[in-house]
PDB file of all heavy atoms in Angstrom:
ATOM      1  N   ASP A   1      10.600  16.577 -11.798  1.00  0.00           N
ATOM      2  CA  ASP A   1      11.157  15.333 -12.295  1.00  0.00           C
ATOM      3  C   ASP A   1      10.291  14.179 -11.807  1.00  0.00           C
ATOM      4  O   ASP A   1      10.254  13.894 -10.614  1.00  0.00           O
ATOM      5  CB  ASP A   1      12.596  15.172 -11.793  1.00  0.00           C
ATOM      6  CG  ASP A   1      13.283  13.959 -12.391  1.00  0.00           C
ATOM      7  OD1 ASP A   1      12.732  13.349 -13.319  1.00  0.00           O
ATOM      8  OD2 ASP A   1      14.383  13.633 -11.915  1.00  0.00           O
ATOM      9  N   PRO A   2       9.569  13.488 -12.707  1.00  0.00           N
ATOM     10  CA  PRO A   2       8.701  12.412 -12.264  1.00  0.00           C
ATOM     11  C   PRO A   2       9.470  11.215 -11.707  1.00  0.00           C
ATOM     12  O   PRO A   2       8.899  10.376 -11.023  1.00  0.00           O
ATOM     13  CB  PRO A   2       7.919  12.021 -13.514  1.00  0.00           C
ATOM     14  CG  PRO A   2       8.635  12.628 -14.649  1.00  0.00           C
ATOM     15  CD  PRO A   2       9.457  13.746 -14.123  1.00  0.00           C
ATOM     16  N   ALA A   3      10.756  11.135 -11.990  1.00  0.00           N
ATOM     17  CA  ALA A   3      11.538  10.022 -11.457  1.00  0.00           C
ATOM     18  C   ALA A   3      11.735  10.133  -9.954  1.00  0.00           C
ATOM     19  O   ALA A   3      12.075   9.168  -9.297  1.00  0.00           O
ATOM     20  CB  ALA A   3      12.894   9.962 -12.161  1.00  0.00           C
ATOM     21  N   THR A   4      11.495  11.295  -9.380  1.00  0.00           N
ATOM     22  CA  THR A   4      11.687  11.472  -7.942  1.00  0.00           C
ATOM     23  C   THR A   4      10.452  11.083  -7.140  1.00  0.00           C
ATOM     24  O   THR A   4      10.491  11.118  -5.926  1.00  0.00           O
ATOM     25  CB  THR A   4      12.055  12.932  -7.630  1.00  0.00           C
ATOM     26  OG1 THR A   4      10.993  13.776  -8.057  1.00  0.00           O
ATOM     27  CG2 THR A   4      13.349  13.335  -8.313  1.00  0.00           C
ATOM     28  N   VAL A   5       9.370  10.742  -7.797  1.00  0.00           N
ATOM     29  CA  VAL A   5       8.148  10.373  -7.091  1.00  0.00           C
ATOM     30  C   VAL A   5       8.172   8.877  -6.810  1.00  0.00           C
ATOM     31  O   VAL A   5       8.331   8.069  -7.713  1.00  0.00           O
ATOM     32  CB  VAL A   5       6.905  10.735  -7.938  1.00  0.00           C
ATOM     33  CG1 VAL A   5       5.639  10.254  -7.253  1.00  0.00           C
ATOM     34  CG2 VAL A   5       6.853  12.213  -8.186  1.00  0.00           C
ATOM     35  N   ASN A   6       8.007   8.508  -5.553  1.00  0.00           N
ATOM     36  CA  ASN A   6       7.900   7.110  -5.161  1.00  0.00           C
ATOM     37  C   ASN A   6       6.425   6.827  -4.983  1.00  0.00           C
ATOM     38  O   ASN A   6       5.793   7.301  -4.038  1.00  0.00           O
ATOM     39  CB  ASN A   6       8.673   6.870  -3.867  1.00  0.00           C
ATOM     40  CG  ASN A   6       8.713   5.402  -3.497  1.00  0.00           C
ATOM     41  OD1 ASN A   6       7.968   4.585  -4.033  1.00  0.00           O
ATOM     42  ND2 ASN A   6       9.592   5.075  -2.560  1.00  0.00           N
ATOM     43  N   ILE A   7       5.844   6.042  -5.883  1.00  0.00           N
ATOM     44  CA  ILE A   7       4.400   5.832  -5.885  1.00  0.00           C
ATOM     45  C   ILE A   7       3.932   5.119  -4.626  1.00  0.00           C
ATOM     46  O   ILE A   7       2.849   5.391  -4.119  1.00  0.00           O
ATOM     47  CB  ILE A   7       3.956   5.080  -7.171  1.00  0.00           C
ATOM     48  CG1 ILE A   7       2.441   5.099  -7.335  1.00  0.00           C
ATOM     49  CG2 ILE A   7       4.469   3.662  -7.167  1.00  0.00           C
ATOM     50  CD1 ILE A   7       1.887   6.443  -7.598  1.00  0.00           C
ATOM     51  N   THR A   8       4.743   4.234  -4.077  1.00  0.00           N
ATOM     52  CA  THR A   8       4.356   3.525  -2.855  1.00  0.00           C
ATOM     53  C   THR A   8       4.226   4.504  -1.695  1.00  0.00           C
ATOM     54  O   THR A   8       3.256   4.442  -0.932  1.00  0.00           O
ATOM     55  CB  THR A   8       5.397   2.442  -2.516  1.00  0.00           C
ATOM     56  OG1 THR A   8       5.619   1.645  -3.673  1.00  0.00           O
ATOM     57  CG2 THR A   8       4.929   1.581  -1.381  1.00  0.00           C
ATOM     58  N   ASP A   9       5.181   5.398  -1.551  1.00  0.00           N
ATOM     59  CA  ASP A   9       5.105   6.395  -0.483  1.00  0.00           C
ATOM     60  C   ASP A   9       3.925   7.330  -0.684  1.00  0.00           C
ATOM     61  O   ASP A   9       3.240   7.685   0.270  1.00  0.00           O
ATOM     62  CB  ASP A   9       6.390   7.218  -0.418  1.00  0.00           C
ATOM     63  CG  ASP A   9       7.582   6.399   0.041  1.00  0.00           C
ATOM     64  OD1 ASP A   9       7.346   5.323   0.653  1.00  0.00           O
ATOM     65  OD2 ASP A   9       8.718   6.833  -0.213  1.00  0.00           O
ATOM     66  N   GLU A  10       3.693   7.732  -1.913  1.00  0.00           N
ATOM     67  CA  GLU A  10       2.604   8.662  -2.193  1.00  0.00           C
ATOM     68  C   GLU A  10       1.252   8.020  -1.917  1.00  0.00           C
ATOM     69  O   GLU A  10       0.345   8.660  -1.404  1.00  0.00           O
ATOM     70  CB  GLU A  10       2.673   9.154  -3.650  1.00  0.00           C
ATOM     71  CG  GLU A  10       3.902   9.969  -3.972  1.00  0.00           C
ATOM     72  CD  GLU A  10       3.984  11.258  -3.183  1.00  0.00           C
ATOM     73  OE1 GLU A  10       2.935  11.878  -2.941  1.00  0.00           O
ATOM     74  OE2 GLU A  10       5.099  11.642  -2.809  1.00  0.00           O
ATOM     75  N   MET A  11       1.106   6.745  -2.264  1.00  0.00           N
ATOM     76  CA  MET A  11      -0.172   6.063  -2.032  1.00  0.00           C
ATOM     77  C   MET A  11      -0.410   5.844  -0.545  1.00  0.00           C
ATOM     78  O   MET A  11      -1.539   5.921  -0.075  1.00  0.00           O
ATOM     79  CB  MET A  11      -0.202   4.727  -2.778  1.00  0.00           C
ATOM     80  CG  MET A  11      -0.307   4.878  -4.286  1.00  0.00           C
ATOM     81  SD  MET A  11      -1.769   5.763  -4.815  1.00  0.00           S
ATOM     82  CE  MET A  11      -3.037   4.592  -4.430  1.00  0.00           C
ATOM     83  N   SER A  12       0.648   5.550   0.212  1.00  0.00           N
ATOM     84  CA  SER A  12       0.458   5.330   1.647  1.00  0.00           C
ATOM     85  C   SER A  12       0.145   6.632   2.378  1.00  0.00           C
ATOM     86  O   SER A  12      -0.485   6.613   3.423  1.00  0.00           O
ATOM     87  CB  SER A  12       1.700   4.666   2.247  1.00  0.00           C
ATOM     88  OG  SER A  12       2.799   5.548   2.154  1.00  0.00           O
ATOM     89  N   LYS A  13       0.551   7.776   1.824  1.00  0.00           N
ATOM     90  CA  LYS A  13       0.251   9.062   2.449  1.00  0.00           C
ATOM     91  C   LYS A  13      -1.206   9.451   2.254  1.00  0.00           C
ATOM     92  O   LYS A  13      -1.798  10.106   3.087  1.00  0.00           O
ATOM     93  CB  LYS A  13       1.127  10.169   1.846  1.00  0.00           C
ATOM     94  CG  LYS A  13       2.567  10.096   2.227  1.00  0.00           C
ATOM     95  CD  LYS A  13       3.321  11.217   1.550  1.00  0.00           C
ATOM     96  CE  LYS A  13       4.809  11.084   1.710  1.00  0.00           C
ATOM     97  NZ  LYS A  13       5.531  12.084   0.924  1.00  0.00           N
ATOM     98  N   GLY A  14      -1.778   9.051   1.157  1.00  0.00           N
ATOM     99  CA  GLY A  14      -3.125   9.486   0.815  1.00  0.00           C
ATOM    100  C   GLY A  14      -4.191   8.667   1.499  1.00  0.00           C
ATOM    101  O   GLY A  14      -3.952   7.817   2.359  1.00  0.00           O
ATOM    102  N   SER A  15      -5.454   8.900   1.113  1.00  0.00           N
ATOM    103  CA  SER A  15      -6.585   8.200   1.717  1.00  0.00           C
ATOM    104  C   SER A  15      -6.675   6.757   1.234  1.00  0.00           C
ATOM    105  O   SER A  15      -7.380   5.951   1.842  1.00  0.00           O
ATOM    106  CB  SER A  15      -7.881   8.937   1.386  1.00  0.00           C
ATOM    107  OG  SER A  15      -8.074   8.960  -0.015  1.00  0.00           O
ATOM    108  N   PHE A  16      -5.968   6.427   0.182  1.00  0.00           N
ATOM    109  CA  PHE A  16      -5.982   5.069  -0.320  1.00  0.00           C
ATOM    110  C   PHE A  16      -4.896   4.223   0.323  1.00  0.00           C
ATOM    111  O   PHE A  16      -4.644   3.112  -0.133  1.00  0.00           O
ATOM    112  CB  PHE A  16      -5.784   5.067  -1.842  1.00  0.00           C
ATOM    113  CG  PHE A  16      -6.917   5.703  -2.586  1.00  0.00           C
ATOM    114  CD1 PHE A  16      -6.741   6.913  -3.212  1.00  0.00           C
ATOM    115  CD2 PHE A  16      -8.151   5.099  -2.630  1.00  0.00           C
ATOM    116  CE1 PHE A  16      -7.774   7.507  -3.886  1.00  0.00           C
ATOM    117  CE2 PHE A  16      -9.190   5.686  -3.303  1.00  0.00           C
ATOM    118  CZ  PHE A  16      -9.007   6.888  -3.937  1.00  0.00           C
ATOM    119  N   GLY A  17      -4.263   4.704   1.361  1.00  0.00           N
ATOM    120  CA  GLY A  17      -3.164   3.977   1.994  1.00  0.00           C
ATOM    121  C   GLY A  17      -3.578   2.613   2.495  1.00  0.00           C
ATOM    122  O   GLY A  17      -2.878   1.619   2.310  1.00  0.00           O
ATOM    123  N   SER A  18      -4.740   2.519   3.131  1.00  0.00           N
ATOM    124  CA  SER A  18      -5.181   1.223   3.651  1.00  0.00           C
ATOM    125  C   SER A  18      -5.560   0.289   2.513  1.00  0.00           C
ATOM    126  O   SER A  18      -5.315  -0.910   2.580  1.00  0.00           O
ATOM    127  CB  SER A  18      -6.354   1.423   4.608  1.00  0.00           C
ATOM    128  OG  SER A  18      -7.413   2.064   3.911  1.00  0.00           O
ATOM    129  N   VAL A  19      -6.138   0.830   1.457  1.00  0.00           N
ATOM    130  CA  VAL A  19      -6.486   0.003   0.310  1.00  0.00           C
ATOM    131  C   VAL A  19      -5.219  -0.490  -0.374  1.00  0.00           C
ATOM    132  O   VAL A  19      -5.115  -1.643  -0.772  1.00  0.00           O
ATOM    133  CB  VAL A  19      -7.361   0.804  -0.687  1.00  0.00           C
ATOM    134  CG1 VAL A  19      -7.634  -0.003  -1.941  1.00  0.00           C
ATOM    135  CG2 VAL A  19      -8.642   1.228  -0.015  1.00  0.00           C
ATOM    136  N   TRP A  20      -4.243   0.387  -0.490  1.00  0.00           N
ATOM    137  CA  TRP A  20      -2.977   0.042  -1.147  1.00  0.00           C
ATOM    138  C   TRP A  20      -2.262  -1.065  -0.377  1.00  0.00           C
ATOM    139  O   TRP A  20      -1.705  -1.974  -0.962  1.00  0.00           O
ATOM    140  CB  TRP A  20      -2.111   1.288  -1.259  1.00  0.00           C
ATOM    141  CG  TRP A  20      -0.800   1.068  -1.921  1.00  0.00           C
ATOM    142  CD1 TRP A  20       0.408   1.037  -1.333  1.00  0.00           C
ATOM    143  CD2 TRP A  20      -0.563   0.840  -3.305  1.00  0.00           C
ATOM    144  NE1 TRP A  20       1.397   0.813  -2.246  1.00  0.00           N
ATOM    145  CE2 TRP A  20       0.820   0.685  -3.477  1.00  0.00           C
ATOM    146  CE3 TRP A  20      -1.386   0.735  -4.425  1.00  0.00           C
ATOM    147  CZ2 TRP A  20       1.400   0.439  -4.711  1.00  0.00           C
ATOM    148  CZ3 TRP A  20      -0.797   0.496  -5.649  1.00  0.00           C
ATOM    149  CH2 TRP A  20       0.570   0.350  -5.783  1.00  0.00           C
ATOM    150  N   LYS A  21      -2.281  -0.991   0.937  1.00  0.00           N
ATOM    151  CA  LYS A  21      -1.620  -2.012   1.743  1.00  0.00           C
ATOM    152  C   LYS A  21      -2.365  -3.332   1.679  1.00  0.00           C
ATOM    153  O   LYS A  21      -1.787  -4.401   1.818  1.00  0.00           O
ATOM    154  CB  LYS A  21      -1.495  -1.552   3.195  1.00  0.00           C
ATOM    155  CG  LYS A  21      -0.501  -0.425   3.365  1.00  0.00           C
ATOM    156  CD  LYS A  21      -0.466   0.059   4.785  1.00  0.00           C
ATOM    157  CE  LYS A  21       0.478   1.259   4.889  1.00  0.00           C
ATOM    158  NZ  LYS A  21       0.400   1.891   6.197  1.00  0.00           N
ATOM    159  N   GLY A  22      -3.663  -3.281   1.449  1.00  0.00           N
ATOM    160  CA  GLY A  22      -4.462  -4.501   1.372  1.00  0.00           C
ATOM    161  C   GLY A  22      -4.391  -5.188   0.028  1.00  0.00           C
ATOM    162  O   GLY A  22      -4.962  -6.254  -0.148  1.00  0.00           O
ATOM    163  N   VAL A  23      -3.697  -4.640  -0.924  1.00  0.00           N
ATOM    164  CA  VAL A  23      -3.612  -5.236  -2.256  1.00  0.00           C
ATOM    165  C   VAL A  23      -2.709  -6.460  -2.245  1.00  0.00           C
ATOM    166  O   VAL A  23      -2.976  -7.448  -2.907  1.00  0.00           O
ATOM    167  CB  VAL A  23      -3.106  -4.190  -3.283  1.00  0.00           C
ATOM    168  CG1 VAL A  23      -2.798  -4.836  -4.617  1.00  0.00           C
ATOM    169  CG2 VAL A  23      -4.134  -3.110  -3.449  1.00  0.00           C
ATOM    170  N   SER A  24      -1.655  -6.410  -1.485  1.00  0.00           N
ATOM    171  CA  SER A  24      -0.693  -7.508  -1.445  1.00  0.00           C
ATOM    172  C   SER A  24      -1.302  -8.714  -0.736  1.00  0.00           C
ATOM    173  O   SER A  24      -1.814  -8.593   0.379  1.00  0.00           O
ATOM    174  CB  SER A  24       0.569  -7.051  -0.722  1.00  0.00           C
ATOM    175  OG  SER A  24       1.424  -8.142  -0.524  1.00  0.00           O
ATOM    176  N   PRO A  25      -1.280  -9.922  -1.355  1.00  0.00           N
ATOM    177  CA  PRO A  25      -1.866 -11.111  -0.700  1.00  0.00           C
ATOM    178  C   PRO A  25      -1.126 -11.488   0.578  1.00  0.00           C
ATOM    179  O   PRO A  25      -1.729 -11.957   1.518  1.00  0.00           O
ATOM    180  CB  PRO A  25      -1.732 -12.218  -1.738  1.00  0.00           C
ATOM    181  CG  PRO A  25      -1.158 -11.615  -2.961  1.00  0.00           C
ATOM    182  CD  PRO A  25      -0.799 -10.218  -2.675  1.00  0.00           C
ATOM    183  N   ALA A  26       0.159 -11.269   0.637  1.00  0.00           N
ATOM    184  CA  ALA A  26       0.921 -11.609   1.840  1.00  0.00           C
ATOM    185  C   ALA A  26       0.505 -10.711   2.998  1.00  0.00           C
ATOM    186  O   ALA A  26       0.368 -11.162   4.128  1.00  0.00           O
ATOM    187  CB  ALA A  26       2.410 -11.483   1.570  1.00  0.00           C
ATOM    188  N   GLU A  27       0.281  -9.427   2.720  1.00  0.00           N
ATOM    189  CA  GLU A  27      -0.131  -8.494   3.763  1.00  0.00           C
ATOM    190  C   GLU A  27      -1.514  -8.851   4.284  1.00  0.00           C
ATOM    191  O   GLU A  27      -1.778  -8.829   5.475  1.00  0.00           O
ATOM    192  CB  GLU A  27      -0.128  -7.059   3.230  1.00  0.00           C
ATOM    193  CG  GLU A  27       1.239  -6.477   2.963  1.00  0.00           C
ATOM    194  CD  GLU A  27       1.998  -6.201   4.244  1.00  0.00           C
ATOM    195  OE1 GLU A  27       1.366  -5.838   5.255  1.00  0.00           O
ATOM    196  OE2 GLU A  27       3.225  -6.363   4.227  1.00  0.00           O
ATOM    197  N   SER A  28      -2.438  -9.193   3.373  1.00  0.00           N
ATOM    198  CA  SER A  28      -3.802  -9.492   3.815  1.00  0.00           C
ATOM    199  C   SER A  28      -3.864 -10.822   4.547  1.00  0.00           C
ATOM    200  O   SER A  28      -4.680 -11.007   5.440  1.00  0.00           O
ATOM    201  CB  SER A  28      -4.750  -9.476   2.614  1.00  0.00           C
ATOM    202  OG  SER A  28      -4.347 -10.440   1.660  1.00  0.00           O
ATOM    203  N   ALA A  29      -2.996 -11.781   4.204  1.00  0.00           N
ATOM    204  CA  ALA A  29      -2.962 -13.062   4.911  1.00  0.00           C
ATOM    205  C   ALA A  29      -2.433 -12.876   6.319  1.00  0.00           C
ATOM    206  O   ALA A  29      -2.876 -13.548   7.247  1.00  0.00           O
ATOM    207  CB  ALA A  29      -2.102 -14.063   4.150  1.00  0.00           C
ATOM    208  N   LYS A  30      -1.511 -11.951   6.523  1.00  0.00           N
ATOM    209  CA  LYS A  30      -0.987 -11.673   7.860  1.00  0.00           C
ATOM    210  C   LYS A  30      -2.053 -11.037   8.728  1.00  0.00           C
ATOM    211  O   LYS A  30      -2.139 -11.282   9.916  1.00  0.00           O
ATOM    212  CB  LYS A  30       0.215 -10.734   7.771  1.00  0.00           C
ATOM    213  CG  LYS A  30       1.455 -11.376   7.227  1.00  0.00           C
ATOM    214  CD  LYS A  30       2.575 -10.363   7.183  1.00  0.00           C
ATOM    215  CE  LYS A  30       3.762 -10.907   6.428  1.00  0.00           C
ATOM    216  NZ  LYS A  30       4.814  -9.894   6.276  1.00  0.00           N
ATOM    217  N   LYS A  31      -2.899 -10.209   8.139  1.00  0.00           N
ATOM    218  CA  LYS A  31      -3.924  -9.513   8.909  1.00  0.00           C
ATOM    219  C   LYS A  31      -5.050 -10.456   9.308  1.00  0.00           C
ATOM    220  O   LYS A  31      -5.627 -10.315  10.364  1.00  0.00           O
ATOM    221  CB  LYS A  31      -4.492  -8.352   8.083  1.00  0.00           C
ATOM    222  CG  LYS A  31      -3.532  -7.216   7.898  1.00  0.00           C
ATOM    223  CD  LYS A  31      -4.182  -6.128   7.102  1.00  0.00           C
ATOM    224  CE  LYS A  31      -3.180  -5.021   6.829  1.00  0.00           C
ATOM    225  NZ  LYS A  31      -3.733  -4.003   5.954  1.00  0.00           N
ATOM    226  N   GLU A  32      -5.384 -11.396   8.443  1.00  0.00           N
ATOM    227  CA  GLU A  32      -6.501 -12.295   8.703  1.00  0.00           C
ATOM    228  C   GLU A  32      -5.993 -13.740   8.718  1.00  0.00           C
ATOM    229  O   GLU A  32      -6.107 -14.460   7.728  1.00  0.00           O
ATOM    230  CB  GLU A  32      -7.556 -12.124   7.612  1.00  0.00           C
ATOM    231  CG  GLU A  32      -8.040 -10.696   7.472  1.00  0.00           C
ATOM    232  CD  GLU A  32      -8.923 -10.531   6.254  1.00  0.00           C
ATOM    233  OE1 GLU A  32      -9.442 -11.548   5.745  1.00  0.00           O
ATOM    234  OE2 GLU A  32      -9.082  -9.406   5.802  1.00  0.00           O
ATOM    235  N   PRO A  33      -5.447 -14.206   9.837  1.00  0.00           N
ATOM    236  CA  PRO A  33      -4.873 -15.549   9.851  1.00  0.00           C
ATOM    237  C   PRO A  33      -5.916 -16.648   9.732  1.00  0.00           C
ATOM    238  O   PRO A  33      -5.649 -17.697   9.189  1.00  0.00           O
ATOM    239  CB  PRO A  33      -4.150 -15.628  11.191  1.00  0.00           C
ATOM    240  CG  PRO A  33      -4.661 -14.519  12.011  1.00  0.00           C
ATOM    241  CD  PRO A  33      -5.248 -13.515  11.089  1.00  0.00           C
ATOM    242  N   GLY A  34      -7.121 -16.459  10.206  1.00  0.00           N
ATOM    243  CA  GLY A  34      -8.121 -17.534  10.174  1.00  0.00           C
ATOM    244  C   GLY A  34      -9.045 -17.424   8.998  1.00  0.00           C
ATOM    245  O   GLY A  34     -10.015 -18.178   8.913  1.00  0.00           O
TER     246      GLY A  34
END
């Protein structure tokens, strides 16, 4: 059932987890304040 797949969880588990987290502008602004 494809409805049971949470894409956010799946992306964070894989090798693209750091890239996926860096997509959000709010997340990247928190990481690099200056």
